[in-house]
Amino acid sequence: MLAHVDRLCIEFDRGMFVEEILNLEFDGSVKECAKAIGMAPAYLHDLIYHTSRKAGKINLTRILRYCVRTGKDPMRYIVKIQ
């Protein structure tokens, strides 16, 4: 089972995050959104707008925790890649 988990590849769904969280909850304010999630605004900006930037375990965990705290389904923003 653990070997399978090591091969699991997950990524951040930027489009869904921007539409449903950044724009609707924070009126497009990256600074306020980053503060609520617990990440640096500059990093969140890069993560959203620079598609080559990967979220990594720590920031995916921050997004997951934010979703849990606010009653959102984290799987809308964190997706499995084949």
PDB file of N, CA and C in Angstrom:
ATOM      1  N   MET A   1       0.826  -1.201   0.000  1.00  0.00           N
ATOM      2  CA  MET A   1       0.000   0.000   0.000  1.00  0.00           C
ATOM      3  C   MET A   1       0.871   1.266   0.000  1.00  0.00           C
ATOM      4  N   LEU A   2       1.906   1.321   0.824  1.00  0.00           N
ATOM      5  CA  LEU A   2       2.749   2.512   0.884  1.00  0.00           C
ATOM      6  C   LEU A   2       3.482   2.773  -0.420  1.00  0.00           C
ATOM      7  N   ALA A   3       3.872   1.740  -1.121  1.00  0.00           N
ATOM      8  CA  ALA A   3       4.547   1.927  -2.410  1.00  0.00           C
ATOM      9  C   ALA A   3       3.618   2.634  -3.385  1.00  0.00           C
ATOM     10  N   HIS A   4       2.340   2.307  -3.347  1.00  0.00           N
ATOM     11  CA  HIS A   4       1.363   2.953  -4.217  1.00  0.00           C
ATOM     12  C   HIS A   4       1.230   4.443  -3.869  1.00  0.00           C
ATOM     13  N   VAL A   5       1.225   4.766  -2.585  1.00  0.00           N
ATOM     14  CA  VAL A   5       1.109   6.152  -2.151  1.00  0.00           C
ATOM     15  C   VAL A   5       2.305   6.965  -2.635  1.00  0.00           C
ATOM     16  N   ASP A   6       3.489   6.374  -2.628  1.00  0.00           N
ATOM     17  CA  ASP A   6       4.673   7.077  -3.105  1.00  0.00           C
ATOM     18  C   ASP A   6       4.556   7.475  -4.569  1.00  0.00           C
ATOM     19  N   ARG A   7       3.802   6.723  -5.339  1.00  0.00           N
ATOM     20  CA  ARG A   7       3.642   7.029  -6.759  1.00  0.00           C
ATOM     21  C   ARG A   7       2.459   7.943  -7.037  1.00  0.00           C
ATOM     22  N   LEU A   8       1.642   8.197  -6.036  1.00  0.00           N
ATOM     23  CA  LEU A   8       0.481   9.052  -6.193  1.00  0.00           C
ATOM     24  C   LEU A   8       0.939  10.476  -6.501  1.00  0.00           C
ATOM     25  N   CYS A   9       0.389  11.058  -7.523  1.00  0.00           N
ATOM     26  CA  CYS A   9       0.783  12.406  -7.927  1.00  0.00           C
ATOM     27  C   CYS A   9      -0.434  13.323  -7.802  1.00  0.00           C
ATOM     28  N   ILE A  10      -0.322  14.334  -6.956  1.00  0.00           N
ATOM     29  CA  ILE A  10      -1.419  15.277  -6.778  1.00  0.00           C
ATOM     30  C   ILE A  10      -0.943  16.680  -7.133  1.00  0.00           C
ATOM     31  N   GLU A  11      -1.875  17.516  -7.503  1.00  0.00           N
ATOM     32  CA  GLU A  11      -1.538  18.881  -7.907  1.00  0.00           C
ATOM     33  C   GLU A  11      -2.662  19.819  -7.510  1.00  0.00           C
ATOM     34  N   PHE A  12      -2.354  21.065  -7.538  1.00  0.00           N
ATOM     35  CA  PHE A  12      -3.231  22.172  -7.187  1.00  0.00           C
ATOM     36  C   PHE A  12      -4.026  22.585  -8.427  1.00  0.00           C
ATOM     37  N   ASP A  13      -5.356  22.654  -8.316  1.00  0.00           N
ATOM     38  CA  ASP A  13      -6.209  23.097  -9.421  1.00  0.00           C
ATOM     39  C   ASP A  13      -6.354  24.615  -9.335  1.00  0.00           C
ATOM     40  N   ARG A  14      -5.492  25.324 -10.031  1.00  0.00           N
ATOM     41  CA  ARG A  14      -5.445  26.786  -9.971  1.00  0.00           C
ATOM     42  C   ARG A  14      -6.758  27.439 -10.387  1.00  0.00           C
ATOM     43  N   GLY A  15      -7.309  26.991 -11.498  1.00  0.00           N
ATOM     44  CA  GLY A  15      -8.524  27.611 -12.027  1.00  0.00           C
ATOM     45  C   GLY A  15      -9.682  27.554 -11.049  1.00  0.00           C
ATOM     46  N   MET A  16      -9.920  26.390 -10.489  1.00  0.00           N
ATOM     47  CA  MET A  16     -11.019  26.221  -9.536  1.00  0.00           C
ATOM     48  C   MET A  16     -10.760  27.052  -8.277  1.00  0.00           C
ATOM     49  N   PHE A  17      -9.524  27.069  -7.819  1.00  0.00           N
ATOM     50  CA  PHE A  17      -9.166  27.836  -6.634  1.00  0.00           C
ATOM     51  C   PHE A  17      -9.413  29.334  -6.861  1.00  0.00           C
ATOM     52  N   VAL A  18      -8.975  29.840  -7.989  1.00  0.00           N
ATOM     53  CA  VAL A  18      -9.149  31.266  -8.293  1.00  0.00           C
ATOM     54  C   VAL A  18     -10.633  31.615  -8.379  1.00  0.00           C
ATOM     55  N   GLU A  19     -11.401  30.794  -9.086  1.00  0.00           N
ATOM     56  CA  GLU A  19     -12.832  31.068  -9.254  1.00  0.00           C
ATOM     57  C   GLU A  19     -13.591  31.019  -7.935  1.00  0.00           C
ATOM     58  N   GLU A  20     -13.387  29.956  -7.171  1.00  0.00           N
ATOM     59  CA  GLU A  20     -14.233  29.707  -6.003  1.00  0.00           C
ATOM     60  C   GLU A  20     -13.716  30.281  -4.693  1.00  0.00           C
ATOM     61  N   ILE A  21     -12.426  30.449  -4.558  1.00  0.00           N
ATOM     62  CA  ILE A  21     -11.903  30.953  -3.281  1.00  0.00           C
ATOM     63  C   ILE A  21     -11.365  32.368  -3.442  1.00  0.00           C
ATOM     64  N   LEU A  22     -10.373  32.545  -4.288  1.00  0.00           N
ATOM     65  CA  LEU A  22      -9.743  33.860  -4.414  1.00  0.00           C
ATOM     66  C   LEU A  22     -10.748  34.936  -4.826  1.00  0.00           C
ATOM     67  N   ASN A  23     -11.484  34.702  -5.898  1.00  0.00           N
ATOM     68  CA  ASN A  23     -12.410  35.731  -6.398  1.00  0.00           C
ATOM     69  C   ASN A  23     -13.670  35.869  -5.551  1.00  0.00           C
ATOM     70  N   LEU A  24     -14.295  34.755  -5.171  1.00  0.00           N
ATOM     71  CA  LEU A  24     -15.563  34.837  -4.442  1.00  0.00           C
ATOM     72  C   LEU A  24     -15.393  35.232  -2.978  1.00  0.00           C
ATOM     73  N   GLU A  25     -14.391  34.703  -2.316  1.00  0.00           N
ATOM     74  CA  GLU A  25     -14.246  34.960  -0.886  1.00  0.00           C
ATOM     75  C   GLU A  25     -13.351  36.146  -0.554  1.00  0.00           C
ATOM     76  N   PHE A  26     -12.399  36.432  -1.431  1.00  0.00           N
ATOM     77  CA  PHE A  26     -11.419  37.475  -1.117  1.00  0.00           C
ATOM     78  C   PHE A  26     -11.384  38.581  -2.162  1.00  0.00           C
ATOM     79  N   ASP A  27     -12.402  38.655  -3.008  1.00  0.00           N
ATOM     80  CA  ASP A  27     -12.495  39.691  -4.048  1.00  0.00           C
ATOM     81  C   ASP A  27     -11.199  39.838  -4.842  1.00  0.00           C
ATOM     82  N   GLY A  28     -10.523  38.721  -5.080  1.00  0.00           N
ATOM     83  CA  GLY A  28      -9.298  38.733  -5.869  1.00  0.00           C
ATOM     84  C   GLY A  28      -8.055  39.157  -5.112  1.00  0.00           C
ATOM     85  N   SER A  29      -8.159  39.386  -3.809  1.00  0.00           N
ATOM     86  CA  SER A  29      -7.008  39.837  -3.014  1.00  0.00           C
ATOM     87  C   SER A  29      -6.121  38.644  -2.644  1.00  0.00           C
ATOM     88  N   VAL A  30      -4.999  38.541  -3.330  1.00  0.00           N
ATOM     89  CA  VAL A  30      -4.045  37.469  -3.052  1.00  0.00           C
ATOM     90  C   VAL A  30      -3.510  37.616  -1.630  1.00  0.00           C
ATOM     91  N   LYS A  31      -3.283  38.838  -1.195  1.00  0.00           N
ATOM     92  CA  LYS A  31      -2.738  39.091   0.143  1.00  0.00           C
ATOM     93  C   LYS A  31      -3.669  38.553   1.229  1.00  0.00           C
ATOM     94  N   GLU A  32      -4.956  38.871   1.144  1.00  0.00           N
ATOM     95  CA  GLU A  32      -5.915  38.413   2.149  1.00  0.00           C
ATOM     96  C   GLU A  32      -6.120  36.899   2.084  1.00  0.00           C
ATOM     97  N   CYS A  33      -6.152  36.364   0.894  1.00  0.00           N
ATOM     98  CA  CYS A  33      -6.309  34.923   0.716  1.00  0.00           C
ATOM     99  C   CYS A  33      -5.108  34.178   1.306  1.00  0.00           C
ATOM    100  N   ALA A  34      -3.916  34.656   1.011  1.00  0.00           N
ATOM    101  CA  ALA A  34      -2.701  34.025   1.530  1.00  0.00           C
ATOM    102  C   ALA A  34      -2.684  34.065   3.054  1.00  0.00           C
ATOM    103  N   LYS A  35      -3.103  35.164   3.614  1.00  0.00           N
ATOM    104  CA  LYS A  35      -3.147  35.294   5.076  1.00  0.00           C
ATOM    105  C   LYS A  35      -4.092  34.250   5.677  1.00  0.00           C
ATOM    106  N   ALA A  36      -5.251  34.073   5.065  1.00  0.00           N
ATOM    107  CA  ALA A  36      -6.229  33.103   5.566  1.00  0.00           C
ATOM    108  C   ALA A  36      -5.718  31.666   5.459  1.00  0.00           C
ATOM    109  N   ILE A  37      -4.933  31.400   4.430  1.00  0.00           N
ATOM    110  CA  ILE A  37      -4.411  30.053   4.209  1.00  0.00           C
ATOM    111  C   ILE A  37      -3.150  29.804   5.034  1.00  0.00           C
ATOM    112  N   GLY A  38      -2.404  30.855   5.326  1.00  0.00           N
ATOM    113  CA  GLY A  38      -1.176  30.721   6.092  1.00  0.00           C
ATOM    114  C   GLY A  38       0.054  30.585   5.216  1.00  0.00           C
ATOM    115  N   MET A  39       0.038  31.313   4.106  1.00  0.00           N
ATOM    116  CA  MET A  39       1.180  31.252   3.198  1.00  0.00           C
ATOM    117  C   MET A  39       1.571  32.672   2.794  1.00  0.00           C
ATOM    118  N   ALA A  40       2.778  32.835   2.340  1.00  0.00           N
ATOM    119  CA  ALA A  40       3.262  34.151   1.914  1.00  0.00           C
ATOM    120  C   ALA A  40       2.513  34.613   0.661  1.00  0.00           C
ATOM    121  N   PRO A  41       2.072  35.865   0.619  1.00  0.00           N
ATOM    122  CA  PRO A  41       1.350  36.371  -0.547  1.00  0.00           C
ATOM    123  C   PRO A  41       2.120  36.219  -1.860  1.00  0.00           C
ATOM    124  N   ALA A  42       3.406  36.491  -1.840  1.00  0.00           N
ATOM    125  CA  ALA A  42       4.205  36.375  -3.068  1.00  0.00           C
ATOM    126  C   ALA A  42       4.230  34.926  -3.563  1.00  0.00           C
ATOM    127  N   TYR A  43       4.298  33.989  -2.636  1.00  0.00           N
ATOM    128  CA  TYR A  43       4.312  32.583  -3.028  1.00  0.00           C
ATOM    129  C   TYR A  43       2.959  32.180  -3.614  1.00  0.00           C
ATOM    130  N   LEU A  44       1.862  32.586  -2.966  1.00  0.00           N
ATOM    131  CA  LEU A  44       0.535  32.254  -3.487  1.00  0.00           C
ATOM    132  C   LEU A  44       0.342  32.868  -4.866  1.00  0.00           C
ATOM    133  N   HIS A  45       0.782  34.104  -5.052  1.00  0.00           N
ATOM    134  CA  HIS A  45       0.678  34.747  -6.359  1.00  0.00           C
ATOM    135  C   HIS A  45       1.402  33.917  -7.424  1.00  0.00           C
ATOM    136  N   ASP A  46       2.629  33.522  -7.121  1.00  0.00           N
ATOM    137  CA  ASP A  46       3.399  32.699  -8.069  1.00  0.00           C
ATOM    138  C   ASP A  46       2.715  31.361  -8.319  1.00  0.00           C
ATOM    139  N   LEU A  47       2.200  30.764  -7.264  1.00  0.00           N
ATOM    140  CA  LEU A  47       1.538  29.465  -7.388  1.00  0.00           C
ATOM    141  C   LEU A  47       0.319  29.540  -8.303  1.00  0.00           C
ATOM    142  N   ILE A  48      -0.422  30.617  -8.197  1.00  0.00           N
ATOM    143  CA  ILE A  48      -1.635  30.781  -9.006  1.00  0.00           C
ATOM    144  C   ILE A  48      -1.303  31.158 -10.453  1.00  0.00           C
ATOM    145  N   TYR A  49      -0.409  32.101 -10.636  1.00  0.00           N
ATOM    146  CA  TYR A  49      -0.211  32.676 -11.959  1.00  0.00           C
ATOM    147  C   TYR A  49       0.983  32.155 -12.748  1.00  0.00           C
ATOM    148  N   HIS A  50       1.829  31.371 -12.134  1.00  0.00           N
ATOM    149  CA  HIS A  50       2.969  30.779 -12.833  1.00  0.00           C
ATOM    150  C   HIS A  50       2.778  29.269 -12.836  1.00  0.00           C
ATOM    151  N   THR A  51       2.288  28.760 -13.944  1.00  0.00           N
ATOM    152  CA  THR A  51       1.903  27.352 -13.994  1.00  0.00           C
ATOM    153  C   THR A  51       3.061  26.383 -13.833  1.00  0.00           C
ATOM    154  N   SER A  52       4.278  26.848 -13.970  1.00  0.00           N
ATOM    155  CA  SER A  52       5.422  25.956 -13.758  1.00  0.00           C
ATOM    156  C   SER A  52       5.692  25.740 -12.270  1.00  0.00           C
ATOM    157  N   ARG A  53       5.147  26.586 -11.421  1.00  0.00           N
ATOM    158  CA  ARG A  53       5.334  26.480  -9.968  1.00  0.00           C
ATOM    159  C   ARG A  53       4.458  25.360  -9.428  1.00  0.00           C
ATOM    160  N   LYS A  54       5.034  24.475  -8.647  1.00  0.00           N
ATOM    161  CA  LYS A  54       4.295  23.373  -8.035  1.00  0.00           C
ATOM    162  C   LYS A  54       3.996  23.715  -6.583  1.00  0.00           C
ATOM    163  N   ALA A  55       2.869  23.235  -6.087  1.00  0.00           N
ATOM    164  CA  ALA A  55       2.438  23.584  -4.734  1.00  0.00           C
ATOM    165  C   ALA A  55       3.278  22.909  -3.656  1.00  0.00           C
ATOM    166  N   GLY A  56       3.629  21.669  -3.813  1.00  0.00           N
ATOM    167  CA  GLY A  56       4.394  20.959  -2.789  1.00  0.00           C
ATOM    168  C   GLY A  56       3.521  20.513  -1.630  1.00  0.00           C
ATOM    169  N   LYS A  57       4.035  19.583  -0.843  1.00  0.00           N
ATOM    170  CA  LYS A  57       3.264  18.998   0.257  1.00  0.00           C
ATOM    171  C   LYS A  57       2.839  20.013   1.305  1.00  0.00           C
ATOM    172  N   ILE A  58       3.729  20.893   1.674  1.00  0.00           N
ATOM    173  CA  ILE A  58       3.411  21.848   2.742  1.00  0.00           C
ATOM    174  C   ILE A  58       2.268  22.773   2.331  1.00  0.00           C
ATOM    175  N   ASN A  59       2.326  23.321   1.133  1.00  0.00           N
ATOM    176  CA  ASN A  59       1.277  24.251   0.703  1.00  0.00           C
ATOM    177  C   ASN A  59      -0.013  23.545   0.333  1.00  0.00           C
ATOM    178  N   LEU A  60       0.071  22.336  -0.191  1.00  0.00           N
ATOM    179  CA  LEU A  60      -1.155  21.567  -0.416  1.00  0.00           C
ATOM    180  C   LEU A  60      -1.828  21.270   0.920  1.00  0.00           C
ATOM    181  N   THR A  61      -1.034  21.002   1.944  1.00  0.00           N
ATOM    182  CA  THR A  61      -1.583  20.762   3.278  1.00  0.00           C
ATOM    183  C   THR A  61      -2.232  22.021   3.823  1.00  0.00           C
ATOM    184  N   ARG A  62      -1.631  23.175   3.587  1.00  0.00           N
ATOM    185  CA  ARG A  62      -2.235  24.441   4.029  1.00  0.00           C
ATOM    186  C   ARG A  62      -3.579  24.674   3.346  1.00  0.00           C
ATOM    187  N   ILE A  63      -3.643  24.395   2.057  1.00  0.00           N
ATOM    188  CA  ILE A  63      -4.897  24.552   1.315  1.00  0.00           C
ATOM    189  C   ILE A  63      -5.932  23.559   1.840  1.00  0.00           C
ATOM    190  N   LEU A  64      -5.518  22.333   2.082  1.00  0.00           N
ATOM    191  CA  LEU A  64      -6.414  21.308   2.622  1.00  0.00           C
ATOM    192  C   LEU A  64      -6.964  21.740   3.980  1.00  0.00           C
ATOM    193  N   ARG A  65      -6.099  22.221   4.851  1.00  0.00           N
ATOM    194  CA  ARG A  65      -6.546  22.654   6.185  1.00  0.00           C
ATOM    195  C   ARG A  65      -7.497  23.846   6.105  1.00  0.00           C
ATOM    196  N   TYR A  66      -7.219  24.768   5.197  1.00  0.00           N
ATOM    197  CA  TYR A  66      -8.123  25.904   5.006  1.00  0.00           C
ATOM    198  C   TYR A  66      -9.504  25.406   4.585  1.00  0.00           C
ATOM    199  N   CYS A  67      -9.530  24.476   3.652  1.00  0.00           N
ATOM    200  CA  CYS A  67     -10.805  23.926   3.184  1.00  0.00           C
ATOM    201  C   CYS A  67     -11.569  23.248   4.314  1.00  0.00           C
ATOM    202  N   VAL A  68     -10.880  22.461   5.107  1.00  0.00           N
ATOM    203  CA  VAL A  68     -11.524  21.772   6.230  1.00  0.00           C
ATOM    204  C   VAL A  68     -12.082  22.788   7.231  1.00  0.00           C
ATOM    205  N   ARG A  69     -11.283  23.817   7.556  1.00  0.00           N
ATOM    206  CA  ARG A  69     -11.738  24.856   8.503  1.00  0.00           C
ATOM    207  C   ARG A  69     -12.974  25.590   8.008  1.00  0.00           C
ATOM    208  N   THR A  70     -13.072  25.786   6.704  1.00  0.00           N
ATOM    209  CA  THR A  70     -14.169  26.587   6.149  1.00  0.00           C
ATOM    210  C   THR A  70     -15.286  25.746   5.539  1.00  0.00           C
ATOM    211  N   GLY A  71     -15.211  24.433   5.705  1.00  0.00           N
ATOM    212  CA  GLY A  71     -16.283  23.551   5.250  1.00  0.00           C
ATOM    213  C   GLY A  71     -16.328  23.301   3.753  1.00  0.00           C
ATOM    214  N   LYS A  72     -15.198  23.457   3.083  1.00  0.00           N
ATOM    215  CA  LYS A  72     -15.135  23.214   1.634  1.00  0.00           C
ATOM    216  C   LYS A  72     -14.588  21.814   1.360  1.00  0.00           C
ATOM    217  N   ASP A  73     -14.907  21.300   0.201  1.00  0.00           N
ATOM    218  CA  ASP A  73     -14.366  20.015  -0.228  1.00  0.00           C
ATOM    219  C   ASP A  73     -12.967  20.253  -0.789  1.00  0.00           C
ATOM    220  N   PRO A  74     -11.919  19.813  -0.101  1.00  0.00           N
ATOM    221  CA  PRO A  74     -10.559  20.072  -0.586  1.00  0.00           C
ATOM    222  C   PRO A  74     -10.252  19.392  -1.908  1.00  0.00           C
ATOM    223  N   MET A  75     -10.991  18.364  -2.248  1.00  0.00           N
ATOM    224  CA  MET A  75     -10.726  17.658  -3.491  1.00  0.00           C
ATOM    225  C   MET A  75     -11.146  18.471  -4.718  1.00  0.00           C
ATOM    226  N   ARG A  76     -11.799  19.596  -4.514  1.00  0.00           N
ATOM    227  CA  ARG A  76     -12.101  20.498  -5.635  1.00  0.00           C
ATOM    228  C   ARG A  76     -10.853  21.273  -6.043  1.00  0.00           C
ATOM    229  N   TYR A  77      -9.899  21.395  -5.129  1.00  0.00           N
ATOM    230  CA  TYR A  77      -8.721  22.221  -5.370  1.00  0.00           C
ATOM    231  C   TYR A  77      -7.423  21.426  -5.403  1.00  0.00           C
ATOM    232  N   ILE A  78      -7.462  20.210  -4.897  1.00  0.00           N
ATOM    233  CA  ILE A  78      -6.311  19.320  -4.908  1.00  0.00           C
ATOM    234  C   ILE A  78      -6.721  18.090  -5.706  1.00  0.00           C
ATOM    235  N   VAL A  79      -6.104  17.884  -6.840  1.00  0.00           N
ATOM    236  CA  VAL A  79      -6.551  16.846  -7.765  1.00  0.00           C
ATOM    237  C   VAL A  79      -5.467  15.787  -8.004  1.00  0.00           C
ATOM    238  N   LYS A  80      -5.918  14.596  -8.279  1.00  0.00           N
ATOM    239  CA  LYS A  80      -5.008  13.500  -8.614  1.00  0.00           C
ATOM    240  C   LYS A  80      -4.673  13.566 -10.091  1.00  0.00           C
ATOM    241  N   ILE A  81      -3.416  13.410 -10.395  1.00  0.00           N
ATOM    242  CA  ILE A  81      -2.956  13.389 -11.791  1.00  0.00           C
ATOM    243  C   ILE A  81      -2.572  11.963 -12.129  1.00  0.00           C
ATOM    244  N   GLN A  82      -3.010  11.492 -13.250  1.00  0.00           N
ATOM    245  CA  GLN A  82      -2.693  10.112 -13.672  1.00  0.00           C
ATOM    246  C   GLN A  82      -1.246   9.968 -14.020  1.00  0.00           C
TER     247      GLN A  82
END
